[in-house]
Protein backbone atom coordinates (compact mmCIF):
# COMPACT_ATOMS: atom_id res chain seq x y z
CA MET A 1 0.00 0.00 0.00
CA VAL A 2 2.90 2.35 0.66
CA LEU A 3 5.32 1.16 -2.02
CA LEU A 4 3.12 1.87 -5.04
CA PRO A 5 2.72 5.61 -4.33
CA LEU A 6 6.45 5.85 -3.58
CA ALA A 7 7.23 4.12 -6.89
CA ARG A 8 5.01 6.68 -8.63
CA GLU A 9 6.81 9.50 -6.84
CA TYR A 10 10.15 8.07 -7.96
CA ALA A 11 8.90 7.87 -11.56
CA ASP A 12 7.63 11.47 -11.38
CA PHE A 13 10.98 12.69 -10.07
CA ARG A 14 12.73 10.91 -12.94
CA ASN A 15 10.33 11.90 -15.72
CA GLU A 16 8.94 15.31 -14.73
CA TRP A 17 11.83 16.71 -12.71
CA GLY A 18 14.55 15.10 -14.83
CA LEU A 19 16.43 13.77 -11.80
CA SER A 20 19.01 11.03 -12.03
CA ARG A 21 18.29 7.64 -10.47
CA VAL A 22 20.26 8.45 -7.34
CA ALA A 23 18.73 11.90 -6.94
CA ALA A 24 15.20 10.57 -7.47
CA LEU A 25 15.81 7.78 -4.96
CA ALA A 26 17.27 10.20 -2.42
CA THR A 27 14.31 12.53 -2.85
CA THR A 28 11.84 9.66 -2.51
CA LEU A 29 13.63 8.46 0.62
CA LEU A 30 12.80 11.78 2.28
CA VAL A 31 9.71 9.89 3.39
CA LEU A 32 11.84 8.20 6.08
CA PRO A 33 12.75 11.34 8.05
CA ALA A 34 9.17 12.53 7.48
CA LEU A 35 7.98 9.29 9.08
CA ALA A 36 10.32 9.88 12.02
CA VAL A 37 8.77 13.33 12.50
CA GLY A 38 5.28 11.82 12.31
CA LEU A 39 6.12 9.13 14.85
CA SER A 40 7.68 11.67 17.20
CA VAL A 41 4.67 13.97 17.07
CA SER A 42 2.23 11.10 17.59
CA LEU A 43 3.89 9.75 20.74
CA ALA A 44 1.64 11.97 22.84
CA PHE A 45 -1.35 9.93 21.63
CA ALA A 46 -0.02 6.51 22.66
CA GLN A 47 -3.16 5.80 24.73
CA GLU A 48 -5.35 6.18 21.63
CA PRO A 49 -3.90 3.99 18.84
CA ALA A 50 -6.29 5.21 16.14
CA VAL A 51 -5.47 8.83 16.88
CA GLN A 52 -1.77 8.01 17.11
CA TRP A 53 -1.64 6.37 13.68
CA THR A 54 -3.85 9.01 12.10
CA THR A 55 -1.53 11.68 13.45
CA THR A 56 1.50 9.75 12.22
CA VAL A 57 0.11 9.49 8.68
CA VAL A 58 -1.09 13.10 8.48
CA VAL A 59 2.16 14.56 9.83
CA THR A 60 4.29 12.26 7.65
CA VAL A 61 2.43 13.17 4.46
CA ALA A 62 2.48 16.88 5.31
CA THR A 63 6.20 16.84 6.13
CA TYR A 64 7.10 14.88 3.00
CA SER A 65 4.95 17.16 0.84
CA ARG A 66 6.60 20.28 2.25
CA ALA A 67 10.08 18.81 1.75
CA THR A 68 9.43 17.90 -1.88
CA ALA A 69 7.76 21.28 -2.51
CA ALA A 70 10.85 23.02 -1.14
CA LEU A 71 13.06 20.94 -3.44
CA ARG A 72 10.84 21.74 -6.42
CA SER A 73 10.99 25.44 -5.58
CA ALA A 74 14.77 25.34 -5.24
CA ALA A 75 15.11 23.45 -8.52
CA ALA A 76 12.83 25.92 -10.30
CA SER A 77 14.83 28.91 -9.08
CA GLY A 78 18.03 27.29 -10.28
CA SER A 79 19.92 27.87 -7.07
CA PRO A 80 19.84 26.36 -3.61
CA GLN A 81 17.81 28.24 -1.03
CA ARG A 82 19.56 29.45 2.08
CA SER A 83 17.92 29.76 5.43
CA SER A 84 18.36 33.03 7.28
């Protein structure tokens, strides 16, 4: 259930973004730190498993989406973004 969307993401990074295999894989693997963020945030809901997993999924998807959007923005501008 998780691998198919990630495979599609990988294919999109290769085809639409023009990334190399390694770059597309590295970008797709950003889902792992996003999952770590989701798990960390959801620890407060350990007594309610349904809420905990819902929180994990929502935070993971949101974090991954923001990370890939930031990469797309940086790629579109042609230069890496610097934080202040």
